[in-house]
N, C-alpha and C. Protein backbone atom coordinates (compact mmCIF):
# COMPACT_ATOMS: atom_id res chain seq x y z
N MET A 1 0.84 -1.18 0.00
CA MET A 1 0.00 0.00 0.00
C MET A 1 0.88 1.24 0.00
N ASN A 2 0.39 2.26 -0.64
CA ASN A 2 1.11 3.53 -0.70
C ASN A 2 0.63 4.42 0.44
N TRP A 3 1.50 4.63 1.44
CA TRP A 3 1.10 5.36 2.65
C TRP A 3 0.89 6.85 2.40
N THR A 4 1.56 7.40 1.41
CA THR A 4 1.33 8.80 1.06
C THR A 4 -0.10 8.97 0.57
N ILE A 5 -0.55 8.04 -0.23
CA ILE A 5 -1.92 8.08 -0.73
C ILE A 5 -2.91 7.86 0.42
N VAL A 6 -2.59 6.95 1.33
CA VAL A 6 -3.48 6.69 2.48
C VAL A 6 -3.64 7.96 3.32
N ILE A 7 -2.54 8.66 3.59
CA ILE A 7 -2.61 9.90 4.37
C ILE A 7 -3.41 10.96 3.61
N ALA A 8 -3.16 11.09 2.32
CA ALA A 8 -3.91 12.06 1.51
C ALA A 8 -5.39 11.71 1.49
N GLU A 9 -5.71 10.41 1.35
CA GLU A 9 -7.11 9.99 1.36
C GLU A 9 -7.78 10.34 2.69
N THR A 10 -7.06 10.12 3.78
CA THR A 10 -7.62 10.41 5.11
C THR A 10 -7.90 11.89 5.26
N ILE A 11 -6.97 12.73 4.80
CA ILE A 11 -7.16 14.18 4.88
C ILE A 11 -8.34 14.62 4.03
N VAL A 12 -8.40 14.15 2.81
CA VAL A 12 -9.49 14.53 1.90
C VAL A 12 -10.83 14.04 2.44
N MET A 13 -10.89 12.81 2.94
CA MET A 13 -12.14 12.27 3.49
C MET A 13 -12.58 13.04 4.73
N THR A 14 -11.62 13.46 5.55
CA THR A 14 -11.96 14.23 6.74
C THR A 14 -12.54 15.59 6.35
N ILE A 15 -11.94 16.23 5.36
CA ILE A 15 -12.46 17.51 4.88
C ILE A 15 -13.86 17.33 4.28
N ALA A 16 -14.03 16.29 3.48
CA ALA A 16 -15.34 16.03 2.86
C ALA A 16 -16.39 15.73 3.93
N PHE A 17 -16.03 14.94 4.93
CA PHE A 17 -16.96 14.62 6.02
C PHE A 17 -17.35 15.89 6.77
N THR A 18 -16.38 16.73 7.06
CA THR A 18 -16.65 17.98 7.77
C THR A 18 -17.61 18.84 6.98
N ALA A 19 -17.38 18.97 5.69
CA ALA A 19 -18.27 19.77 4.84
C ALA A 19 -19.67 19.16 4.80
N MET A 20 -19.74 17.82 4.69
CA MET A 20 -21.02 17.14 4.62
C MET A 20 -21.84 17.34 5.90
N ILE A 21 -21.16 17.47 7.02
CA ILE A 21 -21.84 17.67 8.30
C ILE A 21 -22.12 19.16 8.55
N LEU A 22 -21.09 19.98 8.44
CA LEU A 22 -21.21 21.37 8.87
C LEU A 22 -22.05 22.26 7.95
N ILE A 23 -21.97 22.07 6.65
CA ILE A 23 -22.72 22.93 5.74
C ILE A 23 -24.23 22.82 6.00
N PRO A 24 -24.81 21.61 5.99
CA PRO A 24 -26.24 21.54 6.30
C PRO A 24 -26.55 21.96 7.74
N LEU A 25 -25.64 21.67 8.67
CA LEU A 25 -25.87 21.99 10.08
C LEU A 25 -25.93 23.49 10.31
N VAL A 26 -25.04 24.24 9.69
CA VAL A 26 -25.05 25.70 9.86
C VAL A 26 -26.25 26.31 9.14
N ARG A 27 -26.58 25.78 7.98
CA ARG A 27 -27.73 26.31 7.23
C ARG A 27 -29.06 26.03 7.93
N ASN A 28 -29.19 24.81 8.47
CA ASN A 28 -30.45 24.41 9.10
C ASN A 28 -30.14 23.34 10.15
N PRO A 29 -29.91 23.73 11.39
CA PRO A 29 -29.56 22.75 12.43
C PRO A 29 -30.57 21.62 12.59
N VAL A 30 -31.82 21.86 12.22
CA VAL A 30 -32.85 20.84 12.37
C VAL A 30 -32.60 19.64 11.44
N TRP A 31 -31.84 19.85 10.37
CA TRP A 31 -31.53 18.77 9.43
C TRP A 31 -30.92 17.56 10.15
N TRP A 32 -30.07 17.80 11.15
CA TRP A 32 -29.39 16.74 11.89
C TRP A 32 -30.02 16.53 13.27
N ILE A 33 -31.29 16.84 13.45
CA ILE A 33 -31.90 16.77 14.78
C ILE A 33 -31.76 15.41 15.44
N HIS A 34 -31.75 14.36 14.64
CA HIS A 34 -31.63 13.00 15.19
C HIS A 34 -30.26 12.75 15.83
N ASP A 35 -29.28 13.62 15.59
CA ASP A 35 -27.95 13.45 16.19
C ASP A 35 -27.76 14.31 17.44
N TYR A 36 -28.76 15.09 17.80
CA TYR A 36 -28.68 15.90 19.01
C TYR A 36 -29.05 15.03 20.22
N PRO A 37 -28.49 15.31 21.38
CA PRO A 37 -28.90 14.59 22.60
C PRO A 37 -30.41 14.71 22.83
N GLN A 38 -30.98 13.69 23.45
CA GLN A 38 -32.43 13.61 23.64
C GLN A 38 -32.99 14.81 24.39
N ASP A 39 -32.30 15.30 25.41
CA ASP A 39 -32.85 16.43 26.17
C ASP A 39 -32.92 17.70 25.33
N ILE A 40 -32.01 17.88 24.41
CA ILE A 40 -32.05 19.03 23.50
C ILE A 40 -33.21 18.87 22.53
N GLN A 41 -33.38 17.65 21.99
CA GLN A 41 -34.52 17.40 21.09
C GLN A 41 -35.84 17.70 21.79
N GLU A 42 -36.00 17.20 23.01
CA GLU A 42 -37.26 17.40 23.72
C GLU A 42 -37.54 18.87 23.99
N GLU A 43 -36.51 19.63 24.33
CA GLU A 43 -36.69 21.07 24.55
C GLU A 43 -37.11 21.76 23.25
N TYR A 44 -36.50 21.37 22.14
CA TYR A 44 -36.84 21.93 20.84
C TYR A 44 -38.30 21.61 20.48
N PHE A 45 -38.72 20.36 20.72
CA PHE A 45 -40.07 19.94 20.34
C PHE A 45 -41.15 20.55 21.22
N LYS A 46 -40.79 21.17 22.32
CA LYS A 46 -41.79 21.87 23.15
C LYS A 46 -42.38 23.07 22.41
N THR A 47 -41.59 23.66 21.51
CA THR A 47 -42.05 24.87 20.81
C THR A 47 -42.08 24.71 19.29
N HIS A 48 -41.74 23.54 18.80
CA HIS A 48 -41.71 23.31 17.34
C HIS A 48 -42.40 21.98 17.02
N GLU A 49 -42.80 21.86 15.77
CA GLU A 49 -43.44 20.63 15.32
C GLU A 49 -42.48 19.45 15.48
N ARG A 50 -43.01 18.34 15.98
CA ARG A 50 -42.19 17.14 16.16
C ARG A 50 -41.86 16.55 14.80
N LEU A 51 -40.59 16.25 14.62
CA LEU A 51 -40.08 15.64 13.39
C LEU A 51 -39.59 14.23 13.71
N PRO A 52 -39.51 13.38 12.70
CA PRO A 52 -38.96 12.05 12.96
C PRO A 52 -37.50 12.18 13.40
N SER A 53 -37.18 11.72 14.60
CA SER A 53 -35.81 11.84 15.08
C SER A 53 -35.31 10.56 15.74
N LYS A 54 -36.16 9.56 15.83
CA LYS A 54 -35.73 8.27 16.39
C LYS A 54 -34.85 7.56 15.37
N PHE A 55 -33.88 6.79 15.86
CA PHE A 55 -32.92 6.15 14.97
C PHE A 55 -33.60 5.28 13.91
N PHE A 56 -34.66 4.58 14.27
CA PHE A 56 -35.31 3.70 13.31
C PHE A 56 -36.48 4.34 12.59
N SER A 57 -36.58 5.66 12.63
CA SER A 57 -37.61 6.32 11.85
C SER A 57 -37.19 6.30 10.38
N LYS A 58 -38.17 6.36 9.49
CA LYS A 58 -37.90 6.27 8.05
C LYS A 58 -36.93 7.37 7.60
N THR A 59 -37.15 8.59 8.05
CA THR A 59 -36.31 9.72 7.65
C THR A 59 -34.85 9.49 8.04
N VAL A 60 -34.64 9.07 9.28
CA VAL A 60 -33.28 8.86 9.77
C VAL A 60 -32.64 7.68 9.04
N LEU A 61 -33.38 6.61 8.87
CA LEU A 61 -32.83 5.44 8.17
C LEU A 61 -32.45 5.77 6.73
N VAL A 62 -33.25 6.58 6.05
CA VAL A 62 -32.92 6.96 4.68
C VAL A 62 -31.64 7.81 4.66
N LYS A 63 -31.57 8.82 5.55
CA LYS A 63 -30.37 9.67 5.60
C LYS A 63 -29.13 8.86 5.91
N LYS A 64 -29.20 8.05 6.97
CA LYS A 64 -28.05 7.26 7.38
C LYS A 64 -27.73 6.18 6.36
N GLY A 65 -28.76 5.56 5.79
CA GLY A 65 -28.54 4.52 4.79
C GLY A 65 -27.85 5.06 3.55
N CYS A 66 -28.27 6.21 3.07
CA CYS A 66 -27.61 6.83 1.91
C CYS A 66 -26.16 7.18 2.23
N ALA A 67 -25.93 7.70 3.43
CA ALA A 67 -24.56 8.04 3.83
C ALA A 67 -23.69 6.79 3.91
N LEU A 68 -24.23 5.69 4.44
CA LEU A 68 -23.45 4.45 4.54
C LEU A 68 -23.17 3.85 3.17
N LEU A 69 -24.14 3.89 2.29
CA LEU A 69 -23.93 3.39 0.93
C LEU A 69 -22.86 4.22 0.22
N LEU A 70 -22.95 5.53 0.35
CA LEU A 70 -21.93 6.40 -0.23
C LEU A 70 -20.56 6.10 0.37
N ALA A 71 -20.51 5.92 1.69
CA ALA A 71 -19.24 5.61 2.35
C ALA A 71 -18.66 4.30 1.83
N LEU A 72 -19.51 3.30 1.64
CA LEU A 72 -19.04 2.01 1.13
C LEU A 72 -18.45 2.16 -0.27
N LEU A 73 -19.14 2.87 -1.13
CA LEU A 73 -18.64 3.07 -2.49
C LEU A 73 -17.33 3.85 -2.52
N VAL A 74 -17.26 4.90 -1.70
CA VAL A 74 -16.03 5.69 -1.63
C VAL A 74 -14.89 4.84 -1.08
N MET A 75 -15.17 4.05 -0.05
CA MET A 75 -14.12 3.20 0.54
C MET A 75 -13.58 2.20 -0.48
N LEU A 76 -14.44 1.66 -1.32
CA LEU A 76 -13.98 0.73 -2.35
C LEU A 76 -12.99 1.43 -3.29
N GLY A 77 -13.31 2.66 -3.66
CA GLY A 77 -12.40 3.42 -4.50
C GLY A 77 -11.09 3.74 -3.79
N LEU A 78 -11.18 4.08 -2.51
CA LEU A 78 -9.98 4.40 -1.74
C LEU A 78 -9.07 3.18 -1.59
N MET A 79 -9.68 2.01 -1.41
CA MET A 79 -8.90 0.77 -1.31
C MET A 79 -8.09 0.55 -2.58
N LYS A 80 -8.75 0.72 -3.69
CA LYS A 80 -8.09 0.52 -4.99
C LYS A 80 -6.99 1.55 -5.20
N LEU A 81 -7.30 2.82 -4.94
CA LEU A 81 -6.35 3.90 -5.15
C LEU A 81 -5.11 3.74 -4.28
N ALA A 82 -5.28 3.28 -3.04
CA ALA A 82 -4.15 3.11 -2.12
C ALA A 82 -3.36 1.83 -2.39
N GLY A 83 -3.92 0.95 -3.20
CA GLY A 83 -3.20 -0.27 -3.56
C GLY A 83 -3.38 -1.40 -2.57
N ALA A 84 -4.56 -1.49 -1.95
CA ALA A 84 -4.83 -2.63 -1.07
C ALA A 84 -4.72 -3.91 -1.90
N TYR A 85 -4.06 -4.92 -1.36
CA TYR A 85 -3.75 -6.10 -2.15
C TYR A 85 -4.50 -7.36 -1.72
N ASP A 86 -5.23 -7.30 -0.61
CA ASP A 86 -6.03 -8.44 -0.18
C ASP A 86 -7.10 -7.96 0.81
N PHE A 87 -7.87 -8.91 1.33
CA PHE A 87 -8.95 -8.57 2.25
C PHE A 87 -8.45 -7.77 3.44
N TRP A 88 -7.39 -8.25 4.09
CA TRP A 88 -6.92 -7.62 5.33
C TRP A 88 -6.35 -6.23 5.10
N SER A 89 -5.63 -6.03 4.01
CA SER A 89 -5.11 -4.68 3.75
C SER A 89 -6.25 -3.73 3.40
N ALA A 90 -7.25 -4.23 2.68
CA ALA A 90 -8.42 -3.40 2.36
C ALA A 90 -9.20 -3.05 3.63
N PHE A 91 -9.36 -4.04 4.51
CA PHE A 91 -10.06 -3.79 5.76
C PHE A 91 -9.28 -2.81 6.64
N ALA A 92 -7.98 -3.03 6.79
CA ALA A 92 -7.16 -2.14 7.63
C ALA A 92 -7.20 -0.71 7.12
N LEU A 93 -7.10 -0.55 5.83
CA LEU A 93 -7.15 0.80 5.24
C LEU A 93 -8.51 1.46 5.50
N SER A 94 -9.58 0.77 5.15
CA SER A 94 -10.90 1.39 5.26
C SER A 94 -11.28 1.63 6.72
N TYR A 95 -11.00 0.66 7.59
CA TYR A 95 -11.38 0.85 8.99
C TYR A 95 -10.47 1.87 9.68
N GLY A 96 -9.23 1.95 9.27
CA GLY A 96 -8.33 2.97 9.80
C GLY A 96 -8.84 4.37 9.48
N ILE A 97 -9.26 4.59 8.25
CA ILE A 97 -9.82 5.89 7.86
C ILE A 97 -11.14 6.12 8.60
N TRP A 98 -11.97 5.08 8.68
CA TRP A 98 -13.24 5.20 9.39
C TRP A 98 -13.01 5.61 10.86
N LEU A 99 -12.08 4.93 11.53
CA LEU A 99 -11.81 5.25 12.93
C LEU A 99 -11.30 6.67 13.10
N PHE A 100 -10.41 7.08 12.21
CA PHE A 100 -9.88 8.44 12.30
C PHE A 100 -11.02 9.46 12.22
N ILE A 101 -11.90 9.28 11.24
CA ILE A 101 -13.01 10.21 11.06
C ILE A 101 -14.00 10.11 12.22
N ASP A 102 -14.25 8.90 12.70
CA ASP A 102 -15.16 8.71 13.83
C ASP A 102 -14.64 9.46 15.07
N TRP A 103 -13.35 9.31 15.37
CA TRP A 103 -12.77 9.97 16.53
C TRP A 103 -12.70 11.49 16.32
N TYR A 104 -12.39 11.92 15.11
CA TYR A 104 -12.39 13.34 14.77
C TYR A 104 -13.79 13.92 14.98
N ASP A 105 -14.80 13.18 14.53
CA ASP A 105 -16.18 13.62 14.70
C ASP A 105 -16.52 13.78 16.19
N CYS A 106 -16.14 12.82 16.99
CA CYS A 106 -16.45 12.87 18.43
C CYS A 106 -15.65 13.96 19.13
N PHE A 107 -14.33 13.89 19.04
CA PHE A 107 -13.47 14.74 19.87
C PHE A 107 -13.32 16.17 19.37
N ILE A 108 -13.43 16.39 18.07
CA ILE A 108 -13.27 17.74 17.53
C ILE A 108 -14.63 18.36 17.19
N LEU A 109 -15.37 17.68 16.30
CA LEU A 109 -16.64 18.27 15.88
C LEU A 109 -17.66 18.32 17.02
N ASP A 110 -17.87 17.19 17.70
CA ASP A 110 -18.90 17.16 18.74
C ASP A 110 -18.47 17.84 20.03
N TRP A 111 -17.30 17.49 20.55
CA TRP A 111 -16.88 18.01 21.86
C TRP A 111 -16.44 19.48 21.80
N VAL A 112 -15.89 19.91 20.66
CA VAL A 112 -15.38 21.28 20.58
C VAL A 112 -16.33 22.17 19.77
N LEU A 113 -16.49 21.88 18.48
CA LEU A 113 -17.29 22.76 17.62
C LEU A 113 -18.77 22.73 17.98
N PHE A 114 -19.37 21.55 17.98
CA PHE A 114 -20.79 21.42 18.25
C PHE A 114 -21.15 22.03 19.60
N ALA A 115 -20.31 21.80 20.58
CA ALA A 115 -20.60 22.31 21.93
C ALA A 115 -20.50 23.82 22.03
N ASN A 116 -19.70 24.45 21.18
CA ASN A 116 -19.43 25.88 21.33
C ASN A 116 -19.95 26.78 20.22
N MET A 117 -20.35 26.23 19.09
CA MET A 117 -20.86 27.05 17.99
C MET A 117 -22.33 27.37 18.22
N LYS A 118 -22.62 28.61 18.46
CA LYS A 118 -24.01 29.02 18.71
C LYS A 118 -24.87 28.86 17.45
N SER A 119 -24.25 28.91 16.28
CA SER A 119 -25.01 28.84 15.02
C SER A 119 -25.60 27.45 14.76
N VAL A 120 -25.17 26.43 15.49
CA VAL A 120 -25.70 25.09 15.26
C VAL A 120 -26.67 24.67 16.36
N ARG A 121 -27.00 25.58 17.23
CA ARG A 121 -27.96 25.26 18.30
C ARG A 121 -29.38 25.36 17.74
N LEU A 122 -30.19 24.41 18.15
CA LEU A 122 -31.57 24.42 17.71
C LEU A 122 -32.30 25.61 18.31
N PRO A 123 -33.19 26.24 17.53
CA PRO A 123 -33.96 27.38 18.06
C PRO A 123 -34.71 26.99 19.33
N GLY A 124 -34.58 27.82 20.33
CA GLY A 124 -35.24 27.57 21.61
C GLY A 124 -34.40 26.77 22.59
N THR A 125 -33.21 26.34 22.15
CA THR A 125 -32.34 25.56 23.04
C THR A 125 -31.01 26.26 23.29
N GLU A 126 -30.94 27.52 22.90
CA GLU A 126 -29.67 28.26 23.01
C GLU A 126 -29.17 28.34 24.45
N HIS A 127 -30.09 28.29 25.41
CA HIS A 127 -29.74 28.40 26.83
C HIS A 127 -29.20 27.10 27.43
N MET A 128 -29.26 26.00 26.71
CA MET A 128 -28.91 24.68 27.24
C MET A 128 -27.42 24.38 27.09
N ASN A 129 -26.61 25.24 27.62
CA ASN A 129 -25.16 25.11 27.46
C ASN A 129 -24.63 23.76 27.96
N ALA A 130 -25.05 23.33 29.14
CA ALA A 130 -24.57 22.05 29.69
C ALA A 130 -24.97 20.88 28.79
N ALA A 131 -26.17 20.93 28.25
CA ALA A 131 -26.64 19.84 27.38
C ALA A 131 -25.80 19.75 26.11
N TYR A 132 -25.36 20.88 25.60
CA TYR A 132 -24.53 20.88 24.39
C TYR A 132 -23.10 20.42 24.67
N HIS A 133 -22.72 20.37 25.93
CA HIS A 133 -21.36 19.95 26.29
C HIS A 133 -21.32 18.52 26.85
N GLN A 134 -22.32 17.72 26.53
CA GLN A 134 -22.37 16.33 27.01
C GLN A 134 -21.32 15.48 26.29
N LYS A 135 -20.26 15.19 26.96
CA LYS A 135 -19.21 14.38 26.34
C LYS A 135 -19.58 12.90 26.28
N ARG A 136 -20.23 12.40 27.33
CA ARG A 136 -20.58 10.99 27.38
C ARG A 136 -21.50 10.61 26.21
N TYR A 137 -22.50 11.43 25.92
CA TYR A 137 -23.44 11.15 24.83
C TYR A 137 -22.69 10.97 23.51
N HIS A 138 -21.81 11.90 23.20
CA HIS A 138 -21.08 11.84 21.93
C HIS A 138 -20.08 10.69 21.91
N PHE A 139 -19.51 10.37 23.06
CA PHE A 139 -18.57 9.25 23.13
C PHE A 139 -19.30 7.93 22.86
N VAL A 140 -20.48 7.76 23.46
CA VAL A 140 -21.28 6.55 23.22
C VAL A 140 -21.68 6.47 21.75
N GLN A 141 -22.08 7.61 21.17
CA GLN A 141 -22.42 7.64 19.74
C GLN A 141 -21.20 7.23 18.90
N SER A 142 -20.03 7.65 19.32
CA SER A 142 -18.80 7.28 18.63
C SER A 142 -18.56 5.77 18.70
N LEU A 143 -18.84 5.17 19.84
CA LEU A 143 -18.70 3.71 19.97
C LEU A 143 -19.63 2.99 19.00
N TRP A 144 -20.88 3.48 18.89
CA TRP A 144 -21.81 2.91 17.90
C TRP A 144 -21.26 3.10 16.49
N GLY A 145 -20.68 4.27 16.23
CA GLY A 145 -20.08 4.52 14.92
C GLY A 145 -18.94 3.56 14.62
N MET A 146 -18.16 3.23 15.64
CA MET A 146 -17.07 2.27 15.45
C MET A 146 -17.61 0.89 15.08
N LEU A 147 -18.71 0.48 15.72
CA LEU A 147 -19.31 -0.81 15.43
C LEU A 147 -19.90 -0.83 14.02
N ILE A 148 -20.63 0.21 13.67
CA ILE A 148 -21.20 0.29 12.32
C ILE A 148 -20.08 0.29 11.28
N GLY A 149 -19.02 1.05 11.55
CA GLY A 149 -17.88 1.09 10.64
C GLY A 149 -17.20 -0.25 10.51
N LEU A 150 -17.09 -0.98 11.61
CA LEU A 150 -16.48 -2.31 11.58
C LEU A 150 -17.24 -3.21 10.61
N ILE A 151 -18.55 -3.21 10.75
CA ILE A 151 -19.39 -4.05 9.87
C ILE A 151 -19.28 -3.59 8.43
N LEU A 152 -19.40 -2.28 8.20
CA LEU A 152 -19.34 -1.74 6.84
C LEU A 152 -17.98 -2.01 6.19
N CYS A 153 -16.90 -1.84 6.94
CA CYS A 153 -15.56 -2.04 6.38
C CYS A 153 -15.27 -3.51 6.13
N LEU A 154 -15.81 -4.40 6.97
CA LEU A 154 -15.67 -5.84 6.70
C LEU A 154 -16.40 -6.21 5.40
N ILE A 155 -17.60 -5.67 5.23
CA ILE A 155 -18.35 -5.91 3.98
C ILE A 155 -17.58 -5.34 2.80
N GLY A 156 -17.10 -4.10 2.94
CA GLY A 156 -16.36 -3.47 1.85
C GLY A 156 -15.10 -4.24 1.49
N ALA A 157 -14.36 -4.68 2.50
CA ALA A 157 -13.14 -5.45 2.24
C ALA A 157 -13.47 -6.78 1.57
N GLY A 158 -14.59 -7.38 1.98
CA GLY A 158 -15.02 -8.63 1.34
C GLY A 158 -15.37 -8.41 -0.13
N ILE A 159 -16.09 -7.34 -0.41
CA ILE A 159 -16.42 -7.02 -1.81
C ILE A 159 -15.14 -6.75 -2.59
N TYR A 160 -14.25 -5.96 -2.00
CA TYR A 160 -13.00 -5.61 -2.67
C TYR A 160 -12.18 -6.86 -2.98
N ALA A 161 -12.04 -7.75 -1.99
CA ALA A 161 -11.24 -8.97 -2.18
C ALA A 161 -11.87 -9.88 -3.23
N SER A 162 -13.19 -9.87 -3.32
CA SER A 162 -13.84 -10.75 -4.28
C SER A 162 -13.73 -10.24 -5.71
N ILE A 163 -13.45 -8.95 -5.89
CA ILE A 163 -13.32 -8.43 -7.26
C ILE A 163 -11.87 -8.21 -7.66
N LEU A 164 -10.92 -8.57 -6.78
CA LEU A 164 -9.49 -8.42 -7.11
C LEU A 164 -9.10 -9.23 -8.31
């Protein structure tokens, strides 16, 4: 595998992920309402129409499903571009990038930016400073992301190895 390409892929994917999250979030924080802690959602819904925000709601499943399918397709391309030569190298590459982005999302986007950017607070919840600084919530979400990524990257590596 070409490590220069792997590092470049990780940087580009992190930038793309950040844009994919932050652009809609700044424009309309309600777009990602299903990713806000439950107490923030409940405070928002006291004064606004209730939207589907449960993980297994159709809206959330469609959004997350499209994102996972896109991630799988991109990962297949990244595996090829970096020169993965078998199942394990493809898995290590894809899951390594996934973990980096997952941890970046938790520790930088959620714990630092999300907690402190007033522009991403849901209307009517601006006063909930402590709720926006919940580290445990985002850490648990990150653990779920690691599990989902593990499954997705195993599938991706299997597909990649089968078409080698």
